[in-house]
Amino acid sequence: MATRYVLLTLSLPEEEMDLALGVLSGYPLIGIEQGTDEFTICFEQNDWQADYAETIVAEMIDMGLSVVFAGLKTEEDQNWNAEWEASIDPVIVNDRIVIVPEWRAAEFDHPLTLIITPKMSFGTGHHATTRMMCILMEKHVDVDDVWVDVGTGTGVLAILAAKLGATDVFAFDNNEWSIANSIENVTRNNVHNIVRVEHVELQDVALPSCNGLAANLYRHLVIPFASAFIRAVEPGGTILVSGILKYDKDDVSAPFLSHGCTIVESLAETEWCAIAFRTPEASS
């Protein structure tokens, strides 16, 4: 008998997706497909329980998420892997940086070819925030630097830092899927001797001293941890932040500016922005 799948679709703002993944980690799902302010969760029918839709929505609402039930359907088995592979296109960031799935890597000869094969993690390059962070990192990562990648997702920014010449990169995330995927991608890009990946919560991590820090997060995570980021980065170092709606730029910048940081540059694409801060120079 052919396997059947249950597809649950929910509407949710992109900036709340990280918290939603925390809820879903307790369910026996086999995949997530993310759209714009919407995502579809796939279960094997044998694993599906009739109350899952109601329970998942209720748990997310209890966490303060703006989730809305958008649909439920079943589908017959098909070649999901082939369908999935065909849906992931390479992302050409600029004339030097390209983000490609493993099965398309041979088609490109960019100096900075990042082989990123995603699972249920974020950071494939298709989102504006990842592309902008790549552009900023190309400008601000120097040879022999030490960098930190906060909320690494697929590991794309950590891998880019290593390929740009950083000799020590610490990447971490609180999501088990992200950790497994980022470790695989670090190995695929042959930077496993430079990038170390850790499964840890942001509030529990011991940030190492570094030349630069990349945080592609949402505002509710960047703002309260701004001072911790600044303490970790050496005087005159770089902090790159994104995952921020352009309307929130001033609110996100405020704690950094209040601690003496300066804005070096900022980028914007669609509704999103990315900001490069310089930490204050050491007092003489």
C-alpha atoms as a PDB file:
ATOM      1  CA  MET A   1       0.000   0.000   0.000  1.00  0.00           C
ATOM      2  CA  ALA A   2       1.334   3.454  -0.921  1.00  0.00           C
ATOM      3  CA  THR A   3       2.338   5.708   1.933  1.00  0.00           C
ATOM      4  CA  ARG A   4       0.060   8.667   2.479  1.00  0.00           C
ATOM      5  CA  TYR A   5       1.095  12.009   3.926  1.00  0.00           C
ATOM      6  CA  VAL A   6      -0.782  14.600   5.955  1.00  0.00           C
ATOM      7  CA  LEU A   7       0.101  18.214   5.153  1.00  0.00           C
ATOM      8  CA  LEU A   8      -0.767  20.844   7.750  1.00  0.00           C
ATOM      9  CA  THR A   9      -0.433  24.451   6.584  1.00  0.00           C
ATOM     10  CA  LEU A  10      -0.209  27.338   9.049  1.00  0.00           C
ATOM     11  CA  SER A  11       0.077  31.089   8.549  1.00  0.00           C
ATOM     12  CA  LEU A  12       2.732  32.730  10.721  1.00  0.00           C
ATOM     13  CA  PRO A  13       4.954  35.835  10.445  1.00  0.00           C
ATOM     14  CA  GLU A  14       8.498  34.920   9.381  1.00  0.00           C
ATOM     15  CA  GLU A  15      10.001  36.552  12.455  1.00  0.00           C
ATOM     16  CA  GLU A  16       8.138  34.072  14.683  1.00  0.00           C
ATOM     17  CA  MET A  17       9.340  30.962  12.851  1.00  0.00           C
ATOM     18  CA  ASP A  18      12.181  30.119  15.274  1.00  0.00           C
ATOM     19  CA  LEU A  19       9.759  29.857  18.185  1.00  0.00           C
ATOM     20  CA  ALA A  20       7.352  27.809  16.081  1.00  0.00           C
ATOM     21  CA  LEU A  21      10.111  25.307  15.326  1.00  0.00           C
ATOM     22  CA  GLY A  22      10.591  24.856  19.043  1.00  0.00           C
ATOM     23  CA  VAL A  23       6.962  23.747  19.353  1.00  0.00           C
ATOM     24  CA  LEU A  24       7.218  21.419  16.351  1.00  0.00           C
ATOM     25  CA  SER A  25      10.349  19.695  17.635  1.00  0.00           C
ATOM     26  CA  GLY A  26       8.123  17.591  19.866  1.00  0.00           C
ATOM     27  CA  TYR A  27       6.102  16.124  16.993  1.00  0.00           C
ATOM     28  CA  PRO A  28       6.964  13.230  14.604  1.00  0.00           C
ATOM     29  CA  LEU A  29       7.026  15.345  11.451  1.00  0.00           C
ATOM     30  CA  ILE A  30       9.166  14.456   8.436  1.00  0.00           C
ATOM     31  CA  GLY A  31       9.571  17.855   6.800  1.00  0.00           C
ATOM     32  CA  ILE A  32       8.714  21.541   6.702  1.00  0.00           C
ATOM     33  CA  GLU A  33       8.263  23.696   3.621  1.00  0.00           C
ATOM     34  CA  GLN A  34       8.478  27.418   4.292  1.00  0.00           C
ATOM     35  CA  GLY A  35       6.725  30.050   2.204  1.00  0.00           C
ATOM     36  CA  THR A  36       6.167  33.761   2.758  1.00  0.00           C
ATOM     37  CA  ASP A  37       4.499  34.079   6.159  1.00  0.00           C
ATOM     38  CA  GLU A  38       3.261  30.509   5.748  1.00  0.00           C
ATOM     39  CA  PHE A  39       4.645  27.031   6.190  1.00  0.00           C
ATOM     40  CA  THR A  40       3.518  23.465   5.586  1.00  0.00           C
ATOM     41  CA  ILE A  41       4.337  20.599   7.944  1.00  0.00           C
ATOM     42  CA  CYS A  42       4.444  17.069   6.540  1.00  0.00           C
ATOM     43  CA  PHE A  43       3.605  13.954   8.571  1.00  0.00           C
ATOM     44  CA  GLU A  44       3.345  10.330   7.546  1.00  0.00           C
ATOM     45  CA  GLN A  45      -0.296   9.411   7.958  1.00  0.00           C
ATOM     46  CA  ASN A  46       0.591   6.588  10.362  1.00  0.00           C
ATOM     47  CA  ASP A  47       2.198   9.164  12.671  1.00  0.00           C
ATOM     48  CA  TRP A  48      -0.615  11.690  12.418  1.00  0.00           C
ATOM     49  CA  GLN A  49      -3.150  12.056  15.216  1.00  0.00           C
ATOM     50  CA  ALA A  50      -6.500  13.739  14.741  1.00  0.00           C
ATOM     51  CA  ASP A  51      -5.892  16.345  17.433  1.00  0.00           C
ATOM     52  CA  TYR A  52      -2.443  17.462  16.165  1.00  0.00           C
ATOM     53  CA  ALA A  53      -3.691  20.474  14.205  1.00  0.00           C
ATOM     54  CA  GLU A  54      -5.661  21.841  17.134  1.00  0.00           C
ATOM     55  CA  THR A  55      -2.893  21.045  19.638  1.00  0.00           C
ATOM     56  CA  ILE A  56      -0.087  22.587  17.576  1.00  0.00           C
ATOM     57  CA  VAL A  57      -2.030  25.793  16.989  1.00  0.00           C
ATOM     58  CA  ALA A  58      -2.984  25.990  20.674  1.00  0.00           C
ATOM     59  CA  GLU A  59       0.619  25.511  21.830  1.00  0.00           C
ATOM     60  CA  MET A  60       1.845  28.226  19.487  1.00  0.00           C
ATOM     61  CA  ILE A  61      -0.849  30.632  20.610  1.00  0.00           C
ATOM     62  CA  ASP A  62       0.088  29.921  24.246  1.00  0.00           C
ATOM     63  CA  MET A  63       3.637  31.028  23.335  1.00  0.00           C
ATOM     64  CA  GLY A  64       2.270  34.295  21.996  1.00  0.00           C
ATOM     65  CA  LEU A  65       2.656  33.419  18.311  1.00  0.00           C
ATOM     66  CA  SER A  66       0.332  34.914  15.707  1.00  0.00           C
ATOM     67  CA  VAL A  67      -0.506  31.579  14.114  1.00  0.00           C
ATOM     68  CA  VAL A  68      -3.589  30.849  12.018  1.00  0.00           C
ATOM     69  CA  PHE A  69      -4.724  27.458  10.708  1.00  0.00           C
ATOM     70  CA  ALA A  70      -4.565  27.605   6.877  1.00  0.00           C
ATOM     71  CA  GLY A  71      -5.318  24.108   5.647  1.00  0.00           C
ATOM     72  CA  LEU A  72      -5.081  20.339   6.041  1.00  0.00           C
ATOM     73  CA  LYS A  73      -4.881  17.720   3.294  1.00  0.00           C
ATOM     74  CA  THR A  74      -3.505  14.294   2.484  1.00  0.00           C
ATOM     75  CA  GLU A  75      -1.373  13.253  -0.477  1.00  0.00           C
ATOM     76  CA  GLU A  76      -0.197   9.967  -1.923  1.00  0.00           C
ATOM     77  CA  ASP A  77       3.449   8.965  -1.867  1.00  0.00           C
ATOM     78  CA  GLN A  78       5.665  10.387  -4.594  1.00  0.00           C
ATOM     79  CA  ASN A  79       9.334  11.037  -5.197  1.00  0.00           C
ATOM     80  CA  TRP A  80       9.572  13.706  -2.510  1.00  0.00           C
ATOM     81  CA  ASN A  81      13.356  13.845  -2.718  1.00  0.00           C
ATOM     82  CA  ALA A  82      13.311  14.628  -6.438  1.00  0.00           C
ATOM     83  CA  GLU A  83      10.565  17.209  -5.933  1.00  0.00           C
ATOM     84  CA  TRP A  84      12.517  18.828  -3.122  1.00  0.00           C
ATOM     85  CA  GLU A  85      15.809  18.900  -5.025  1.00  0.00           C
ATOM     86  CA  ALA A  86      14.144  20.492  -8.018  1.00  0.00           C
ATOM     87  CA  SER A  87      12.721  23.242  -5.802  1.00  0.00           C
ATOM     88  CA  ILE A  88      16.091  24.445  -4.469  1.00  0.00           C
ATOM     89  CA  ASP A  89      17.757  26.807  -6.920  1.00  0.00           C
ATOM     90  CA  PRO A  90      21.291  28.167  -6.565  1.00  0.00           C
ATOM     91  CA  VAL A  91      21.520  31.708  -5.189  1.00  0.00           C
ATOM     92  CA  ILE A  92      24.055  34.006  -6.840  1.00  0.00           C
ATOM     93  CA  VAL A  93      24.780  36.629  -4.174  1.00  0.00           C
ATOM     94  CA  ASN A  94      27.286  38.524  -6.326  1.00  0.00           C
ATOM     95  CA  ASP A  95      30.104  37.769  -8.765  1.00  0.00           C
ATOM     96  CA  ARG A  96      32.138  36.068  -6.012  1.00  0.00           C
ATOM     97  CA  ILE A  97      29.593  34.365  -3.763  1.00  0.00           C
ATOM     98  CA  VAL A  98      27.133  31.671  -4.770  1.00  0.00           C
ATOM     99  CA  ILE A  99      25.109  29.381  -2.489  1.00  0.00           C
ATOM    100  CA  VAL A 100      24.339  26.039  -4.120  1.00  0.00           C
ATOM    101  CA  PRO A 101      22.926  22.646  -3.128  1.00  0.00           C
ATOM    102  CA  GLU A 102      25.401  19.792  -3.367  1.00  0.00           C
ATOM    103  CA  TRP A 103      23.900  18.378  -6.576  1.00  0.00           C
ATOM    104  CA  ARG A 104      24.418  21.710  -8.423  1.00  0.00           C
ATOM    105  CA  ALA A 105      27.890  22.596  -7.121  1.00  0.00           C
ATOM    106  CA  ALA A 106      29.755  21.457 -10.250  1.00  0.00           C
ATOM    107  CA  GLU A 107      27.928  24.064 -12.329  1.00  0.00           C
ATOM    108  CA  PHE A 108      29.634  27.014 -10.617  1.00  0.00           C
ATOM    109  CA  ASP A 109      33.212  28.251 -10.290  1.00  0.00           C
ATOM    110  CA  HIS A 110      32.701  31.316  -8.104  1.00  0.00           C
ATOM    111  CA  PRO A 111      35.664  31.985  -5.777  1.00  0.00           C
ATOM    112  CA  LEU A 112      33.327  31.629  -2.801  1.00  0.00           C
ATOM    113  CA  THR A 113      31.072  28.699  -3.639  1.00  0.00           C
ATOM    114  CA  LEU A 114      29.111  27.707  -0.550  1.00  0.00           C
ATOM    115  CA  ILE A 115      27.679  24.196  -0.751  1.00  0.00           C
ATOM    116  CA  ILE A 116      24.565  24.312   1.404  1.00  0.00           C
ATOM    117  CA  THR A 117      22.157  21.393   1.350  1.00  0.00           C
ATOM    118  CA  PRO A 118      19.320  22.315   3.716  1.00  0.00           C
ATOM    119  CA  LYS A 119      17.108  20.061   5.784  1.00  0.00           C
ATOM    120  CA  MET A 120      14.642  21.943   7.957  1.00  0.00           C
ATOM    121  CA  SER A 121      17.074  24.747   8.769  1.00  0.00           C
ATOM    122  CA  PHE A 122      17.169  28.308   7.530  1.00  0.00           C
ATOM    123  CA  GLY A 123      19.922  30.093   5.649  1.00  0.00           C
ATOM    124  CA  THR A 124      19.752  28.749   2.100  1.00  0.00           C
ATOM    125  CA  GLY A 125      20.383  32.197   0.637  1.00  0.00           C
ATOM    126  CA  HIS A 126      16.864  32.531  -0.717  1.00  0.00           C
ATOM    127  CA  HIS A 127      15.934  34.906   2.094  1.00  0.00           C
ATOM    128  CA  ALA A 128      17.007  38.534   1.785  1.00  0.00           C
ATOM    129  CA  THR A 129      18.588  38.572   5.236  1.00  0.00           C
ATOM    130  CA  THR A 130      21.035  35.762   4.407  1.00  0.00           C
ATOM    131  CA  ARG A 131      22.090  37.420   1.155  1.00  0.00           C
ATOM    132  CA  MET A 132      22.658  40.778   2.848  1.00  0.00           C
ATOM    133  CA  MET A 133      24.691  39.172   5.617  1.00  0.00           C
ATOM    134  CA  CYS A 134      26.881  37.464   3.022  1.00  0.00           C
ATOM    135  CA  ILE A 135      27.511  40.812   1.321  1.00  0.00           C
ATOM    136  CA  LEU A 136      28.475  42.446   4.627  1.00  0.00           C
ATOM    137  CA  MET A 137      30.697  39.550   5.692  1.00  0.00           C
ATOM    138  CA  GLU A 138      32.633  39.743   2.434  1.00  0.00           C
ATOM    139  CA  LYS A 139      33.530  43.328   3.364  1.00  0.00           C
ATOM    140  CA  HIS A 140      34.255  42.841   7.049  1.00  0.00           C
ATOM    141  CA  VAL A 141      35.894  39.427   7.551  1.00  0.00           C
ATOM    142  CA  ASP A 142      39.693  39.657   7.454  1.00  0.00           C
ATOM    143  CA  VAL A 143      42.308  36.936   7.122  1.00  0.00           C
ATOM    144  CA  ASP A 144      43.174  35.318  10.483  1.00  0.00           C
ATOM    145  CA  ASP A 145      40.052  36.701  12.151  1.00  0.00           C
ATOM    146  CA  VAL A 146      38.038  34.942  14.856  1.00  0.00           C
ATOM    147  CA  TRP A 147      34.270  35.047  14.221  1.00  0.00           C
ATOM    148  CA  VAL A 148      31.077  33.950  15.953  1.00  0.00           C
ATOM    149  CA  ASP A 149      27.904  32.947  14.090  1.00  0.00           C
ATOM    150  CA  VAL A 150      24.881  33.311  16.370  1.00  0.00           C
ATOM    151  CA  GLY A 151      21.946  31.097  15.366  1.00  0.00           C
ATOM    152  CA  THR A 152      23.857  29.416  12.585  1.00  0.00           C
ATOM    153  CA  GLY A 153      20.953  27.593  10.883  1.00  0.00           C
ATOM    154  CA  THR A 154      22.492  25.796   7.903  1.00  0.00           C
ATOM    155  CA  GLY A 155      25.960  27.091   8.816  1.00  0.00           C
ATOM    156  CA  VAL A 156      26.173  29.300   5.749  1.00  0.00           C
ATOM    157  CA  LEU A 157      27.621  32.399   7.461  1.00  0.00           C
ATOM    158  CA  ALA A 158      30.131  30.408   9.497  1.00  0.00           C
ATOM    159  CA  ILE A 159      31.282  28.619   6.341  1.00  0.00           C
ATOM    160  CA  LEU A 160      31.586  31.920   4.480  1.00  0.00           C
ATOM    161  CA  ALA A 161      33.673  33.406   7.302  1.00  0.00           C
ATOM    162  CA  ALA A 162      36.070  30.463   7.047  1.00  0.00           C
ATOM    163  CA  LYS A 163      36.310  30.763   3.265  1.00  0.00           C
ATOM    164  CA  LEU A 164      37.003  34.479   3.627  1.00  0.00           C
ATOM    165  CA  GLY A 165      40.068  33.716   5.730  1.00  0.00           C
ATOM    166  CA  ALA A 166      38.897  33.487   9.338  1.00  0.00           C
ATOM    167  CA  THR A 167      40.969  30.880  11.158  1.00  0.00           C
ATOM    168  CA  ASP A 168      38.553  30.212  14.034  1.00  0.00           C
ATOM    169  CA  VAL A 169      34.760  30.307  13.761  1.00  0.00           C
ATOM    170  CA  PHE A 170      32.360  29.388  16.561  1.00  0.00           C
ATOM    171  CA  ALA A 171      28.819  28.665  15.356  1.00  0.00           C
ATOM    172  CA  PHE A 172      25.883  27.714  17.556  1.00  0.00           C
ATOM    173  CA  ASP A 173      22.140  27.206  17.458  1.00  0.00           C
ATOM    174  CA  ASN A 174      19.434  25.979  19.821  1.00  0.00           C
ATOM    175  CA  ASN A 175      17.758  23.792  17.189  1.00  0.00           C
ATOM    176  CA  GLU A 176      18.796  20.154  16.793  1.00  0.00           C
ATOM    177  CA  TRP A 177      17.897  20.089  13.096  1.00  0.00           C
ATOM    178  CA  SER A 178      20.080  23.130  12.493  1.00  0.00           C
ATOM    179  CA  ILE A 179      23.031  21.641  14.343  1.00  0.00           C
ATOM    180  CA  ALA A 180      22.912  18.376  12.394  1.00  0.00           C
ATOM    181  CA  ASN A 181      22.533  20.222   9.101  1.00  0.00           C
ATOM    182  CA  SER A 182      25.244  22.794   9.799  1.00  0.00           C
ATOM    183  CA  ILE A 183      27.744  20.077  10.757  1.00  0.00           C
ATOM    184  CA  GLU A 184      27.014  18.296   7.467  1.00  0.00           C
ATOM    185  CA  ASN A 185      27.453  21.510   5.497  1.00  0.00           C
ATOM    186  CA  VAL A 186      30.680  22.420   7.304  1.00  0.00           C
ATOM    187  CA  THR A 187      32.073  19.031   6.280  1.00  0.00           C
ATOM    188  CA  ARG A 188      30.824  19.427   2.692  1.00  0.00           C
ATOM    189  CA  ASN A 189      32.752  22.699   2.433  1.00  0.00           C
ATOM    190  CA  ASN A 190      35.899  21.236   3.987  1.00  0.00           C
ATOM    191  CA  VAL A 191      36.097  23.851   6.746  1.00  0.00           C
ATOM    192  CA  HIS A 192      35.583  21.441   9.660  1.00  0.00           C
ATOM    193  CA  ASN A 193      39.073  22.290  10.948  1.00  0.00           C
ATOM    194  CA  ILE A 194      38.026  25.956  11.283  1.00  0.00           C
ATOM    195  CA  VAL A 195      34.324  25.942  12.170  1.00  0.00           C
ATOM    196  CA  ARG A 196      33.175  24.393  15.440  1.00  0.00           C
ATOM    197  CA  VAL A 197      29.457  23.952  15.969  1.00  0.00           C
ATOM    198  CA  GLU A 198      27.661  23.743  19.316  1.00  0.00           C
ATOM    199  CA  HIS A 199      24.068  23.033  20.343  1.00  0.00           C
ATOM    200  CA  VAL A 200      23.334  25.658  22.990  1.00  0.00           C
ATOM    201  CA  GLU A 201      20.771  28.292  23.911  1.00  0.00           C
ATOM    202  CA  LEU A 202      21.700  31.938  23.389  1.00  0.00           C
ATOM    203  CA  GLN A 203      21.109  32.752  27.044  1.00  0.00           C
ATOM    204  CA  ASP A 204      23.454  29.929  28.121  1.00  0.00           C
ATOM    205  CA  VAL A 205      26.319  30.305  25.654  1.00  0.00           C
ATOM    206  CA  ALA A 206      29.763  31.532  26.673  1.00  0.00           C
ATOM    207  CA  LEU A 207      30.658  33.790  23.771  1.00  0.00           C
ATOM    208  CA  PRO A 208      34.392  33.709  23.015  1.00  0.00           C
ATOM    209  CA  SER A 209      36.408  36.845  22.377  1.00  0.00           C
ATOM    210  CA  CYS A 210      36.298  37.550  18.661  1.00  0.00           C
ATOM    211  CA  ASN A 211      37.006  40.045  15.894  1.00  0.00           C
ATOM    212  CA  GLY A 212      33.493  39.827  14.518  1.00  0.00           C
ATOM    213  CA  LEU A 213      30.057  38.456  15.278  1.00  0.00           C
ATOM    214  CA  ALA A 214      27.179  37.691  12.908  1.00  0.00           C
ATOM    215  CA  ALA A 215      23.638  37.455  14.263  1.00  0.00           C
ATOM    216  CA  ASN A 216      20.957  36.778  11.664  1.00  0.00           C
ATOM    217  CA  LEU A 217      18.141  36.648  14.208  1.00  0.00           C
ATOM    218  CA  TYR A 218      14.930  38.503  14.949  1.00  0.00           C
ATOM    219  CA  ARG A 219      14.623  41.742  16.914  1.00  0.00           C
ATOM    220  CA  HIS A 220      13.322  40.050  20.062  1.00  0.00           C
ATOM    221  CA  LEU A 221      16.635  38.167  20.288  1.00  0.00           C
ATOM    222  CA  VAL A 222      19.045  40.839  19.076  1.00  0.00           C
ATOM    223  CA  ILE A 223      17.928  43.672  21.358  1.00  0.00           C
ATOM    224  CA  PRO A 224      18.269  41.959  24.778  1.00  0.00           C
ATOM    225  CA  PHE A 225      21.620  40.410  23.858  1.00  0.00           C
ATOM    226  CA  ALA A 226      23.223  43.487  22.307  1.00  0.00           C
ATOM    227  CA  SER A 227      25.441  44.147  25.333  1.00  0.00           C
ATOM    228  CA  ALA A 228      26.627  40.515  25.397  1.00  0.00           C
ATOM    229  CA  PHE A 229      27.541  40.726  21.717  1.00  0.00           C
ATOM    230  CA  ILE A 230      29.482  43.939  22.292  1.00  0.00           C
ATOM    231  CA  ARG A 231      31.409  42.443  25.226  1.00  0.00           C
ATOM    232  CA  ALA A 232      32.467  39.492  23.091  1.00  0.00           C
ATOM    233  CA  VAL A 233      33.777  41.559  20.180  1.00  0.00           C
ATOM    234  CA  GLU A 234      37.142  43.231  20.534  1.00  0.00           C
ATOM    235  CA  PRO A 235      37.349  47.053  20.485  1.00  0.00           C
ATOM    236  CA  GLY A 236      37.014  48.286  16.931  1.00  0.00           C
ATOM    237  CA  GLY A 237      35.560  44.958  15.841  1.00  0.00           C
ATOM    238  CA  THR A 238      32.447  44.240  13.798  1.00  0.00           C
ATOM    239  CA  ILE A 239      28.925  43.139  14.694  1.00  0.00           C
ATOM    240  CA  LEU A 240      26.594  42.248  11.824  1.00  0.00           C
ATOM    241  CA  VAL A 241      22.891  41.863  12.516  1.00  0.00           C
ATOM    242  CA  SER A 242      19.930  41.031  10.302  1.00  0.00           C
ATOM    243  CA  GLY A 243      16.632  39.201  10.455  1.00  0.00           C
ATOM    244  CA  ILE A 244      15.268  42.683  11.120  1.00  0.00           C
ATOM    245  CA  LEU A 245      12.333  44.373   9.462  1.00  0.00           C
ATOM    246  CA  LYS A 246      13.353  47.791   8.158  1.00  0.00           C
ATOM    247  CA  TYR A 247      10.716  49.407  10.364  1.00  0.00           C
ATOM    248  CA  ASP A 248      12.571  48.057  13.419  1.00  0.00           C
ATOM    249  CA  LYS A 249      16.015  49.336  12.426  1.00  0.00           C
ATOM    250  CA  ASP A 250      16.058  52.217  14.937  1.00  0.00           C
ATOM    251  CA  ASP A 251      14.843  50.062  17.828  1.00  0.00           C
ATOM    252  CA  VAL A 252      17.455  47.396  17.104  1.00  0.00           C
ATOM    253  CA  SER A 253      20.240  49.948  16.669  1.00  0.00           C
ATOM    254  CA  ALA A 254      19.466  51.800  19.909  1.00  0.00           C
ATOM    255  CA  PRO A 255      21.162  49.426  22.412  1.00  0.00           C
ATOM    256  CA  PHE A 256      24.288  49.202  20.257  1.00  0.00           C
ATOM    257  CA  LEU A 257      24.545  52.959  19.847  1.00  0.00           C
ATOM    258  CA  SER A 258      23.953  53.499  23.570  1.00  0.00           C
ATOM    259  CA  HIS A 259      27.004  51.311  24.277  1.00  0.00           C
ATOM    260  CA  GLY A 260      29.230  53.390  22.007  1.00  0.00           C
ATOM    261  CA  CYS A 261      28.979  51.404  18.778  1.00  0.00           C
ATOM    262  CA  THR A 262      28.734  53.183  15.445  1.00  0.00           C
ATOM    263  CA  ILE A 263      26.873  52.142  12.321  1.00  0.00           C
ATOM    264  CA  VAL A 264      29.347  51.462   9.529  1.00  0.00           C
ATOM    265  CA  GLU A 265      26.733  50.693   6.894  1.00  0.00           C
ATOM    266  CA  SER A 266      23.299  49.192   6.423  1.00  0.00           C
ATOM    267  CA  LEU A 267      21.565  47.359   3.609  1.00  0.00           C
ATOM    268  CA  ALA A 268      17.897  46.923   2.781  1.00  0.00           C
ATOM    269  CA  GLU A 269      16.014  44.493   0.558  1.00  0.00           C
ATOM    270  CA  THR A 270      12.238  44.220   0.378  1.00  0.00           C
ATOM    271  CA  GLU A 271      10.998  44.562   3.983  1.00  0.00           C
ATOM    272  CA  TRP A 272      14.285  43.508   5.591  1.00  0.00           C
ATOM    273  CA  CYS A 273      17.519  45.228   6.587  1.00  0.00           C
ATOM    274  CA  ALA A 274      21.015  44.336   7.779  1.00  0.00           C
ATOM    275  CA  ILE A 275      23.328  46.541   9.839  1.00  0.00           C
ATOM    276  CA  ALA A 276      27.096  46.582  10.350  1.00  0.00           C
ATOM    277  CA  PHE A 277      28.217  48.050  13.693  1.00  0.00           C
ATOM    278  CA  ARG A 278      31.732  48.942  14.807  1.00  0.00           C
ATOM    279  CA  THR A 279      32.389  48.386  18.493  1.00  0.00           C
ATOM    280  CA  PRO A 280      33.934  51.288  20.425  1.00  0.00           C
ATOM    281  CA  GLU A 281      37.702  51.586  20.382  1.00  0.00           C
ATOM    282  CA  ALA A 282      39.567  50.858  23.608  1.00  0.00           C
ATOM    283  CA  SER A 283      40.096  53.795  25.955  1.00  0.00           C
ATOM    284  CA  SER A 284      43.655  55.090  25.963  1.00  0.00           C
END
